[in-house]
Amino acid sequence: MKKVIKFASVMLISIFVCGCSKGKSVSVEPDALTDSVSTAGETETNEEELSGSTKNIEAIMRSIANGDAKKLASLTAYPIMRPYLLEDIEDSAQMVAYFNTMFDAPIREKLRKATVDDWEAVGAKGYLFDNGSLWIHDSLIAVNYVSKKEQQMINEGSKKEEATLHASLRGEGWKFMSCYLGEDGTLFRLDQKSKGKSNNYRLTVFPKGVKAGDKPQLLLMGEVGAGSAYEQSYSFTDGRGNSISFFESIDEESVIMEIVKDGKEYSVQTVPCRWLDVVK
């Protein structure tokens, strides 16, 4: 299968798998993958050389549509990331066990009616189905579809997590974005609240040994700075001279927090974590 593809490079506009889903409320958004237009004009290329083989697409579609968990497990590249508050699928045994939770009737029916031609080639990133619900590059590499059961699990987990927050941090439209655990035990939690067409961001900081209901050591408000498809910067201040800034990159799991607190400047190396794994 050939087609004319305009490209200079393939840009990943938004991807949730920056490091690990364990500490990020994220989702892979392969529908945001776009081909940049080369100033040299159109270049004809063999689609399968760029996007991977199409030979497994039919088998993957049919295994999901027919409920063949073992077959799909053999055609999957692990891990398969799930949204925050759900567990990632690390191997074939977990895929078989979790299959019916992840692939419910609506997605099976879509795949039952679909053909290979319904998959969209996105350059070196593979093939997408249903605007990014599934993503294949030779094997199944990402599932962005969230089943009704999974959404219920996420909602229940969110309520459980919110109940562990200090009363002053609950409600008011704040939604979890990410969580980072410092090498010194400091815990950083980033939340977001939509306001019209803009977003507000809140960073709370807790000392080592934080327990459910504890008040944060620092509460800072901030914004997202200049970024790109692969990286993003954040900066926060509490209005009293304390500030924290950090930089996320799709290529790095760890995040360095640059901190100014009580007139002292220092940095803390952190990694993504799950809030409920730390806060007891």
C-alpha atoms as a PDB file:
ATOM      1  CA  MET A   1       0.000   0.000   0.000  1.00  0.00           C
ATOM      2  CA  LYS A   2       1.496   3.322  -1.100  1.00  0.00           C
ATOM      3  CA  LYS A   3       0.500   6.870  -0.611  1.00  0.00           C
ATOM      4  CA  VAL A   4       2.025  10.302  -0.867  1.00  0.00           C
ATOM      5  CA  ILE A   5       3.046  11.484   2.591  1.00  0.00           C
ATOM      6  CA  LYS A   6       4.094  15.056   3.277  1.00  0.00           C
ATOM      7  CA  PHE A   7       6.774  15.074   5.889  1.00  0.00           C
ATOM      8  CA  ALA A   8       9.940  16.581   7.200  1.00  0.00           C
ATOM      9  CA  SER A   9       9.530  15.012  10.602  1.00  0.00           C
ATOM     10  CA  VAL A  10       6.696  13.413  12.506  1.00  0.00           C
ATOM     11  CA  MET A  11       5.688  15.514  15.495  1.00  0.00           C
ATOM     12  CA  LEU A  12       4.037  14.083  18.546  1.00  0.00           C
ATOM     13  CA  ILE A  13       1.704  16.876  19.638  1.00  0.00           C
ATOM     14  CA  SER A  14       0.463  15.289  22.834  1.00  0.00           C
ATOM     15  CA  ILE A  15       1.268  12.023  24.496  1.00  0.00           C
ATOM     16  CA  PHE A  16       0.439  10.929  27.961  1.00  0.00           C
ATOM     17  CA  VAL A  17       3.127   8.416  28.365  1.00  0.00           C
ATOM     18  CA  CYS A  18       5.698  10.941  29.496  1.00  0.00           C
ATOM     19  CA  GLY A  19       7.643   8.642  31.760  1.00  0.00           C
ATOM     20  CA  CYS A  20       4.940   6.568  33.351  1.00  0.00           C
ATOM     21  CA  SER A  21       1.207   6.695  33.770  1.00  0.00           C
ATOM     22  CA  LYS A  22       1.608   5.897  37.464  1.00  0.00           C
ATOM     23  CA  GLY A  23       2.029   9.533  38.384  1.00  0.00           C
ATOM     24  CA  LYS A  24       0.227  11.304  35.579  1.00  0.00           C
ATOM     25  CA  SER A  25      -3.380  11.761  34.674  1.00  0.00           C
ATOM     26  CA  VAL A  26      -2.598  11.210  31.096  1.00  0.00           C
ATOM     27  CA  SER A  27      -3.627   9.477  27.941  1.00  0.00           C
ATOM     28  CA  VAL A  28      -1.820   8.789  24.711  1.00  0.00           C
ATOM     29  CA  GLU A  29      -3.241  11.025  22.045  1.00  0.00           C
ATOM     30  CA  PRO A  30      -1.977   9.576  18.794  1.00  0.00           C
ATOM     31  CA  ASP A  31      -4.779  11.362  16.941  1.00  0.00           C
ATOM     32  CA  ALA A  32      -2.671  14.454  17.579  1.00  0.00           C
ATOM     33  CA  LEU A  33       0.188  12.995  15.575  1.00  0.00           C
ATOM     34  CA  THR A  34       0.700  15.113  12.510  1.00  0.00           C
ATOM     35  CA  ASP A  35       3.032  15.077   9.565  1.00  0.00           C
ATOM     36  CA  SER A  36       4.946  18.324   9.142  1.00  0.00           C
ATOM     37  CA  VAL A  37       5.002  19.583   5.571  1.00  0.00           C
ATOM     38  CA  SER A  38       8.453  19.547   4.055  1.00  0.00           C
ATOM     39  CA  THR A  39       9.575  22.741   2.420  1.00  0.00           C
ATOM     40  CA  ALA A  40      11.124  20.538  -0.221  1.00  0.00           C
ATOM     41  CA  GLY A  41       7.637  19.451  -1.287  1.00  0.00           C
ATOM     42  CA  GLU A  42       5.927  16.077  -1.322  1.00  0.00           C
ATOM     43  CA  THR A  43       7.962  12.912  -1.012  1.00  0.00           C
ATOM     44  CA  GLU A  44       6.607   9.567  -2.149  1.00  0.00           C
ATOM     45  CA  THR A  45       7.376   6.777   0.258  1.00  0.00           C
ATOM     46  CA  ASN A  46       6.238   3.242   0.943  1.00  0.00           C
ATOM     47  CA  GLU A  47       3.740   3.567   3.800  1.00  0.00           C
ATOM     48  CA  GLU A  48       4.641   0.220   5.377  1.00  0.00           C
ATOM     49  CA  GLU A  49       8.320   1.159   5.515  1.00  0.00           C
ATOM     50  CA  LEU A  50       7.346   4.152   7.627  1.00  0.00           C
ATOM     51  CA  SER A  51       4.355   2.952   9.631  1.00  0.00           C
ATOM     52  CA  GLY A  52       5.132  -0.722  10.142  1.00  0.00           C
ATOM     53  CA  SER A  53       3.485  -3.785   8.697  1.00  0.00           C
ATOM     54  CA  THR A  54      -0.281  -4.057   8.232  1.00  0.00           C
ATOM     55  CA  LYS A  55      -0.270  -7.841   8.467  1.00  0.00           C
ATOM     56  CA  ASN A  56      -1.312  -7.962  12.140  1.00  0.00           C
ATOM     57  CA  ILE A  57      -4.073  -5.355  11.949  1.00  0.00           C
ATOM     58  CA  GLU A  58      -6.727  -7.846  10.873  1.00  0.00           C
ATOM     59  CA  ALA A  59      -5.680 -10.360  13.533  1.00  0.00           C
ATOM     60  CA  ILE A  60      -5.710  -7.707  16.274  1.00  0.00           C
ATOM     61  CA  MET A  61      -9.136  -6.443  15.222  1.00  0.00           C
ATOM     62  CA  ARG A  62     -10.646  -9.925  15.140  1.00  0.00           C
ATOM     63  CA  SER A  63      -9.077 -11.015  18.439  1.00  0.00           C
ATOM     64  CA  ILE A  64     -10.674  -8.050  20.223  1.00  0.00           C
ATOM     65  CA  ALA A  65     -14.006  -8.327  18.404  1.00  0.00           C
ATOM     66  CA  ASN A  66     -14.240 -12.067  19.106  1.00  0.00           C
ATOM     67  CA  GLY A  67     -13.024 -11.875  22.702  1.00  0.00           C
ATOM     68  CA  ASP A  68      -9.863 -13.883  22.037  1.00  0.00           C
ATOM     69  CA  ALA A  69      -7.728 -12.534  24.876  1.00  0.00           C
ATOM     70  CA  LYS A  70      -4.884 -15.013  24.449  1.00  0.00           C
ATOM     71  CA  LYS A  71      -4.500 -14.183  20.764  1.00  0.00           C
ATOM     72  CA  LEU A  72      -4.437 -10.449  21.457  1.00  0.00           C
ATOM     73  CA  ALA A  73      -1.931 -10.968  24.274  1.00  0.00           C
ATOM     74  CA  SER A  74       0.456 -12.547  21.768  1.00  0.00           C
ATOM     75  CA  LEU A  75       0.094  -9.554  19.433  1.00  0.00           C
ATOM     76  CA  THR A  76       0.763  -6.847  22.023  1.00  0.00           C
ATOM     77  CA  ALA A  77       3.904  -4.878  22.896  1.00  0.00           C
ATOM     78  CA  TYR A  78       4.047  -4.238  26.643  1.00  0.00           C
ATOM     79  CA  PRO A  79       3.439  -2.304  28.758  1.00  0.00           C
ATOM     80  CA  ILE A  80       0.013  -1.021  27.722  1.00  0.00           C
ATOM     81  CA  MET A  81      -0.544   2.173  29.677  1.00  0.00           C
ATOM     82  CA  ARG A  82      -3.878   2.854  31.324  1.00  0.00           C
ATOM     83  CA  PRO A  83      -5.146   6.174  32.704  1.00  0.00           C
ATOM     84  CA  TYR A  84      -4.160   7.299  36.172  1.00  0.00           C
ATOM     85  CA  LEU A  85      -5.820   5.272  38.945  1.00  0.00           C
ATOM     86  CA  LEU A  86      -5.814   2.176  36.741  1.00  0.00           C
ATOM     87  CA  GLU A  87      -2.975  -0.332  36.610  1.00  0.00           C
ATOM     88  CA  ASP A  88      -0.806  -0.594  33.497  1.00  0.00           C
ATOM     89  CA  ILE A  89      -0.822  -3.949  31.711  1.00  0.00           C
ATOM     90  CA  GLU A  90       2.706  -5.293  32.024  1.00  0.00           C
ATOM     91  CA  ASP A  91       2.570  -8.714  30.328  1.00  0.00           C
ATOM     92  CA  SER A  92       0.417 -11.246  28.478  1.00  0.00           C
ATOM     93  CA  ALA A  93      -0.971 -12.799  31.663  1.00  0.00           C
ATOM     94  CA  GLN A  94      -2.275  -9.429  32.815  1.00  0.00           C
ATOM     95  CA  MET A  95      -3.720  -8.779  29.352  1.00  0.00           C
ATOM     96  CA  VAL A  96      -5.703 -12.007  29.459  1.00  0.00           C
ATOM     97  CA  ALA A  97      -6.965 -11.251  32.978  1.00  0.00           C
ATOM     98  CA  TYR A  98      -7.911  -7.628  32.185  1.00  0.00           C
ATOM     99  CA  PHE A  99      -9.186  -8.108  28.625  1.00  0.00           C
ATOM    100  CA  ASN A 100     -12.939  -8.045  29.377  1.00  0.00           C
ATOM    101  CA  THR A 101     -12.588  -4.980  31.598  1.00  0.00           C
ATOM    102  CA  MET A 102     -10.808  -2.967  28.910  1.00  0.00           C
ATOM    103  CA  PHE A 103     -12.595  -4.175  25.781  1.00  0.00           C
ATOM    104  CA  ASP A 104     -16.357  -3.963  26.279  1.00  0.00           C
ATOM    105  CA  ALA A 105     -19.230  -4.308  23.816  1.00  0.00           C
ATOM    106  CA  PRO A 106     -19.019  -0.859  22.113  1.00  0.00           C
ATOM    107  CA  ILE A 107     -15.368  -1.177  21.008  1.00  0.00           C
ATOM    108  CA  ARG A 108     -15.803  -4.844  20.052  1.00  0.00           C
ATOM    109  CA  GLU A 109     -18.774  -3.964  17.873  1.00  0.00           C
ATOM    110  CA  LYS A 110     -16.845  -1.161  16.145  1.00  0.00           C
ATOM    111  CA  LEU A 111     -14.004  -3.540  15.368  1.00  0.00           C
ATOM    112  CA  ARG A 112     -16.405  -6.249  14.211  1.00  0.00           C
ATOM    113  CA  LYS A 113     -17.693  -3.887  11.525  1.00  0.00           C
ATOM    114  CA  ALA A 114     -14.287  -2.405  10.653  1.00  0.00           C
ATOM    115  CA  THR A 115     -11.778  -3.274   7.936  1.00  0.00           C
ATOM    116  CA  VAL A 116      -8.063  -2.675   7.611  1.00  0.00           C
ATOM    117  CA  ASP A 117      -8.876   0.384   5.486  1.00  0.00           C
ATOM    118  CA  ASP A 118     -10.440   2.039   8.531  1.00  0.00           C
ATOM    119  CA  TRP A 119      -6.969   2.377  10.106  1.00  0.00           C
ATOM    120  CA  GLU A 120      -5.089   5.627   9.531  1.00  0.00           C
ATOM    121  CA  ALA A 121      -1.356   5.616   8.832  1.00  0.00           C
ATOM    122  CA  VAL A 122       0.529   8.265  10.810  1.00  0.00           C
ATOM    123  CA  GLY A 123       4.041   8.024   9.482  1.00  0.00           C
ATOM    124  CA  ALA A 124       6.633   6.452  11.739  1.00  0.00           C
ATOM    125  CA  LYS A 125       4.097   6.242  14.573  1.00  0.00           C
ATOM    126  CA  GLY A 126       2.111   3.379  13.044  1.00  0.00           C
ATOM    127  CA  TYR A 127      -1.638   3.067  12.467  1.00  0.00           C
ATOM    128  CA  LEU A 128      -4.567   4.491  14.413  1.00  0.00           C
ATOM    129  CA  PHE A 129      -8.154   3.298  14.701  1.00  0.00           C
ATOM    130  CA  ASP A 130     -11.220   5.339  15.637  1.00  0.00           C
ATOM    131  CA  ASN A 131      -9.355   8.641  16.018  1.00  0.00           C
ATOM    132  CA  GLY A 132      -6.765   7.044  18.290  1.00  0.00           C
ATOM    133  CA  SER A 133      -8.784   4.541  20.344  1.00  0.00           C
ATOM    134  CA  LEU A 134      -6.216   1.922  19.358  1.00  0.00           C
ATOM    135  CA  TRP A 135      -2.652   2.327  18.103  1.00  0.00           C
ATOM    136  CA  ILE A 136      -0.635  -0.324  16.271  1.00  0.00           C
ATOM    137  CA  HIS A 137       2.932  -0.450  15.065  1.00  0.00           C
ATOM    138  CA  ASP A 138       3.329  -4.084  13.985  1.00  0.00           C
ATOM    139  CA  SER A 139       1.881  -4.993  17.424  1.00  0.00           C
ATOM    140  CA  LEU A 140      -0.760  -3.316  19.577  1.00  0.00           C
ATOM    141  CA  ILE A 141       1.160  -0.558  21.378  1.00  0.00           C
ATOM    142  CA  ALA A 142      -1.495   1.694  22.938  1.00  0.00           C
ATOM    143  CA  VAL A 143      -5.147   1.604  23.982  1.00  0.00           C
ATOM    144  CA  ASN A 144      -6.733   5.009  24.513  1.00  0.00           C
ATOM    145  CA  TYR A 145     -10.241   3.628  24.640  1.00  0.00           C
ATOM    146  CA  VAL A 146     -11.680   3.702  28.163  1.00  0.00           C
ATOM    147  CA  SER A 147     -14.497   1.239  28.807  1.00  0.00           C
ATOM    148  CA  LYS A 148     -17.548   1.977  30.923  1.00  0.00           C
ATOM    149  CA  LYS A 149     -16.187  -0.300  33.654  1.00  0.00           C
ATOM    150  CA  GLU A 150     -12.814   1.458  33.614  1.00  0.00           C
ATOM    151  CA  GLN A 151     -14.477   4.864  33.867  1.00  0.00           C
ATOM    152  CA  GLN A 152     -16.387   3.639  36.904  1.00  0.00           C
ATOM    153  CA  MET A 153     -13.105   2.452  38.441  1.00  0.00           C
ATOM    154  CA  ILE A 154     -11.502   5.841  37.745  1.00  0.00           C
ATOM    155  CA  ASN A 155     -14.447   7.716  39.270  1.00  0.00           C
ATOM    156  CA  GLU A 156     -14.374   5.540  42.397  1.00  0.00           C
ATOM    157  CA  GLY A 157     -10.600   5.957  42.687  1.00  0.00           C
ATOM    158  CA  SER A 158     -10.895   9.727  42.305  1.00  0.00           C
ATOM    159  CA  LYS A 159     -13.391   9.923  45.168  1.00  0.00           C
ATOM    160  CA  LYS A 160     -11.154   7.775  47.348  1.00  0.00           C
ATOM    161  CA  GLU A 161      -8.145   9.932  46.522  1.00  0.00           C
ATOM    162  CA  GLU A 162      -9.964  13.215  47.104  1.00  0.00           C
ATOM    163  CA  ALA A 163     -11.035  11.971  50.540  1.00  0.00           C
ATOM    164  CA  THR A 164      -7.350  11.830  51.552  1.00  0.00           C
ATOM    165  CA  LEU A 165      -6.767  15.508  50.736  1.00  0.00           C
ATOM    166  CA  HIS A 166      -6.846  18.278  53.313  1.00  0.00           C
ATOM    167  CA  ALA A 167     -10.316  19.849  53.388  1.00  0.00           C
ATOM    168  CA  SER A 168      -8.986  23.087  51.875  1.00  0.00           C
ATOM    169  CA  LEU A 169      -7.849  21.240  48.736  1.00  0.00           C
ATOM    170  CA  ARG A 170     -11.062  19.378  47.933  1.00  0.00           C
ATOM    171  CA  GLY A 171     -13.634  20.239  45.304  1.00  0.00           C
ATOM    172  CA  GLU A 172     -13.914  23.588  43.498  1.00  0.00           C
ATOM    173  CA  GLY A 173     -13.240  21.908  40.167  1.00  0.00           C
ATOM    174  CA  TRP A 174      -9.619  20.937  40.809  1.00  0.00           C
ATOM    175  CA  LYS A 175      -8.557  17.778  38.974  1.00  0.00           C
ATOM    176  CA  PHE A 176      -5.421  15.724  39.443  1.00  0.00           C
ATOM    177  CA  MET A 177      -2.689  16.110  36.811  1.00  0.00           C
ATOM    178  CA  SER A 178       0.452  14.472  38.188  1.00  0.00           C
ATOM    179  CA  CYS A 179       2.323  13.487  41.305  1.00  0.00           C
ATOM    180  CA  TYR A 180       6.068  13.319  41.959  1.00  0.00           C
ATOM    181  CA  LEU A 181       8.071  11.807  44.804  1.00  0.00           C
ATOM    182  CA  GLY A 182      11.416  13.417  45.604  1.00  0.00           C
ATOM    183  CA  GLU A 183      14.561  11.502  46.469  1.00  0.00           C
ATOM    184  CA  ASP A 184      14.346  13.158  49.888  1.00  0.00           C
ATOM    185  CA  GLY A 185      10.749  11.963  50.393  1.00  0.00           C
ATOM    186  CA  THR A 186       9.098  15.283  49.511  1.00  0.00           C
ATOM    187  CA  LEU A 187       5.798  14.793  47.681  1.00  0.00           C
ATOM    188  CA  PHE A 188       4.628  17.192  44.954  1.00  0.00           C
ATOM    189  CA  ARG A 189       1.055  17.163  43.640  1.00  0.00           C
ATOM    190  CA  LEU A 190      -0.051  19.080  40.543  1.00  0.00           C
ATOM    191  CA  ASP A 191      -3.754  19.843  39.975  1.00  0.00           C
ATOM    192  CA  GLN A 192      -5.563  21.682  37.207  1.00  0.00           C
ATOM    193  CA  LYS A 193      -8.826  23.617  37.051  1.00  0.00           C
ATOM    194  CA  SER A 194     -10.435  24.759  33.826  1.00  0.00           C
ATOM    195  CA  LYS A 195     -11.738  28.295  33.747  1.00  0.00           C
ATOM    196  CA  GLY A 196     -13.355  29.244  30.484  1.00  0.00           C
ATOM    197  CA  LYS A 197     -10.772  28.735  27.769  1.00  0.00           C
ATOM    198  CA  SER A 198      -7.853  28.936  30.196  1.00  0.00           C
ATOM    199  CA  ASN A 199      -6.515  26.643  32.897  1.00  0.00           C
ATOM    200  CA  ASN A 200      -5.371  27.299  36.431  1.00  0.00           C
ATOM    201  CA  TYR A 201      -2.635  25.177  37.976  1.00  0.00           C
ATOM    202  CA  ARG A 202      -1.963  24.395  41.617  1.00  0.00           C
ATOM    203  CA  LEU A 203       1.143  22.758  43.076  1.00  0.00           C
ATOM    204  CA  THR A 204       1.055  21.475  46.636  1.00  0.00           C
ATOM    205  CA  VAL A 205       4.128  20.251  48.505  1.00  0.00           C
ATOM    206  CA  PHE A 206       4.167  17.786  51.388  1.00  0.00           C
ATOM    207  CA  PRO A 207       7.080  16.680  53.579  1.00  0.00           C
ATOM    208  CA  LYS A 208       8.274  13.098  53.902  1.00  0.00           C
ATOM    209  CA  GLY A 209       5.851  10.946  55.863  1.00  0.00           C
ATOM    210  CA  VAL A 210       2.704  12.830  54.777  1.00  0.00           C
ATOM    211  CA  LYS A 211      -0.540  11.247  55.956  1.00  0.00           C
ATOM    212  CA  ALA A 212      -4.099  11.490  54.692  1.00  0.00           C
ATOM    213  CA  GLY A 213      -5.661  14.817  55.562  1.00  0.00           C
ATOM    214  CA  ASP A 214      -2.373  16.623  56.186  1.00  0.00           C
ATOM    215  CA  LYS A 215      -2.184  20.270  55.210  1.00  0.00           C
ATOM    216  CA  PRO A 216       0.415  21.010  52.510  1.00  0.00           C
ATOM    217  CA  GLN A 217       3.724  22.566  53.496  1.00  0.00           C
ATOM    218  CA  LEU A 218       3.481  24.857  50.476  1.00  0.00           C
ATOM    219  CA  LEU A 219       0.611  25.791  48.155  1.00  0.00           C
ATOM    220  CA  LEU A 220       1.651  27.568  44.979  1.00  0.00           C
ATOM    221  CA  MET A 221      -0.295  28.772  41.962  1.00  0.00           C
ATOM    222  CA  GLY A 222       1.232  28.817  38.520  1.00  0.00           C
ATOM    223  CA  GLU A 223       1.104  28.434  34.807  1.00  0.00           C
ATOM    224  CA  VAL A 224       2.388  26.393  31.925  1.00  0.00           C
ATOM    225  CA  GLY A 225       5.244  28.069  30.112  1.00  0.00           C
ATOM    226  CA  ALA A 226       6.515  27.745  26.585  1.00  0.00           C
ATOM    227  CA  GLY A 227       6.792  24.169  25.391  1.00  0.00           C
ATOM    228  CA  SER A 228       6.698  21.850  22.433  1.00  0.00           C
ATOM    229  CA  ALA A 229       5.367  18.454  21.416  1.00  0.00           C
ATOM    230  CA  TYR A 230       8.001  16.753  23.529  1.00  0.00           C
ATOM    231  CA  GLU A 231       8.555  19.009  26.513  1.00  0.00           C
ATOM    232  CA  GLN A 232       6.775  21.442  28.810  1.00  0.00           C
ATOM    233  CA  SER A 233       7.793  23.918  31.491  1.00  0.00           C
ATOM    234  CA  TYR A 234       5.889  24.938  34.635  1.00  0.00           C
ATOM    235  CA  SER A 235       6.426  27.747  37.138  1.00  0.00           C
ATOM    236  CA  PHE A 236       4.672  28.368  40.468  1.00  0.00           C
ATOM    237  CA  THR A 237       4.754  30.944  43.256  1.00  0.00           C
ATOM    238  CA  ASP A 238       2.950  31.466  46.553  1.00  0.00           C
ATOM    239  CA  GLY A 239       3.215  35.271  46.417  1.00  0.00           C
ATOM    240  CA  ARG A 240       5.482  35.298  49.472  1.00  0.00           C
ATOM    241  CA  GLY A 241       8.827  34.765  47.789  1.00  0.00           C
ATOM    242  CA  ASN A 242       8.643  30.963  47.511  1.00  0.00           C
ATOM    243  CA  SER A 243       8.659  29.444  44.052  1.00  0.00           C
ATOM    244  CA  ILE A 244       9.048  26.140  42.222  1.00  0.00           C
ATOM    245  CA  SER A 245       9.705  25.527  38.557  1.00  0.00           C
ATOM    246  CA  PHE A 246      10.238  22.335  36.635  1.00  0.00           C
ATOM    247  CA  PHE A 247      10.561  20.990  33.159  1.00  0.00           C
ATOM    248  CA  GLU A 248       8.980  17.809  31.762  1.00  0.00           C
ATOM    249  CA  SER A 249      10.377  15.929  28.786  1.00  0.00           C
ATOM    250  CA  ILE A 250       8.931  12.926  27.024  1.00  0.00           C
ATOM    251  CA  ASP A 251      12.435  11.449  26.968  1.00  0.00           C
ATOM    252  CA  GLU A 252      12.996  11.681  30.733  1.00  0.00           C
ATOM    253  CA  GLU A 253      11.021  10.042  33.513  1.00  0.00           C
ATOM    254  CA  SER A 254      12.634  12.012  36.318  1.00  0.00           C
ATOM    255  CA  VAL A 255      11.743  15.657  36.922  1.00  0.00           C
ATOM    256  CA  ILE A 256      14.014  18.181  38.655  1.00  0.00           C
ATOM    257  CA  MET A 257      12.182  20.619  40.909  1.00  0.00           C
ATOM    258  CA  GLU A 258      14.000  23.971  41.132  1.00  0.00           C
ATOM    259  CA  ILE A 259      12.947  25.439  44.463  1.00  0.00           C
ATOM    260  CA  VAL A 260      13.266  28.798  46.177  1.00  0.00           C
ATOM    261  CA  LYS A 261      12.020  28.527  49.763  1.00  0.00           C
ATOM    262  CA  ASP A 262      12.631  30.973  52.585  1.00  0.00           C
ATOM    263  CA  GLY A 263      15.349  32.653  50.534  1.00  0.00           C
ATOM    264  CA  LYS A 264      17.241  29.421  49.850  1.00  0.00           C
ATOM    265  CA  GLU A 265      17.668  27.909  46.395  1.00  0.00           C
ATOM    266  CA  TYR A 266      17.969  24.172  45.883  1.00  0.00           C
ATOM    267  CA  SER A 267      16.763  21.364  43.630  1.00  0.00           C
ATOM    268  CA  VAL A 268      15.063  18.023  44.245  1.00  0.00           C
ATOM    269  CA  GLN A 269      15.086  15.122  41.807  1.00  0.00           C
ATOM    270  CA  THR A 270      11.714  13.409  41.574  1.00  0.00           C
ATOM    271  CA  VAL A 271       9.990  10.540  39.783  1.00  0.00           C
ATOM    272  CA  PRO A 272       6.275  10.075  38.970  1.00  0.00           C
ATOM    273  CA  CYS A 273       4.291   8.251  41.639  1.00  0.00           C
ATOM    274  CA  ARG A 274       0.760   7.353  42.626  1.00  0.00           C
ATOM    275  CA  TRP A 275      -0.725   9.558  45.326  1.00  0.00           C
ATOM    276  CA  LEU A 276      -2.369   6.667  47.177  1.00  0.00           C
ATOM    277  CA  ASP A 277       0.880   4.668  47.124  1.00  0.00           C
ATOM    278  CA  VAL A 278       2.498   7.392  49.221  1.00  0.00           C
ATOM    279  CA  VAL A 279      -0.304   8.929  51.282  1.00  0.00           C
ATOM    280  CA  LYS A 280      -1.672   6.474  53.836  1.00  0.00           C
END
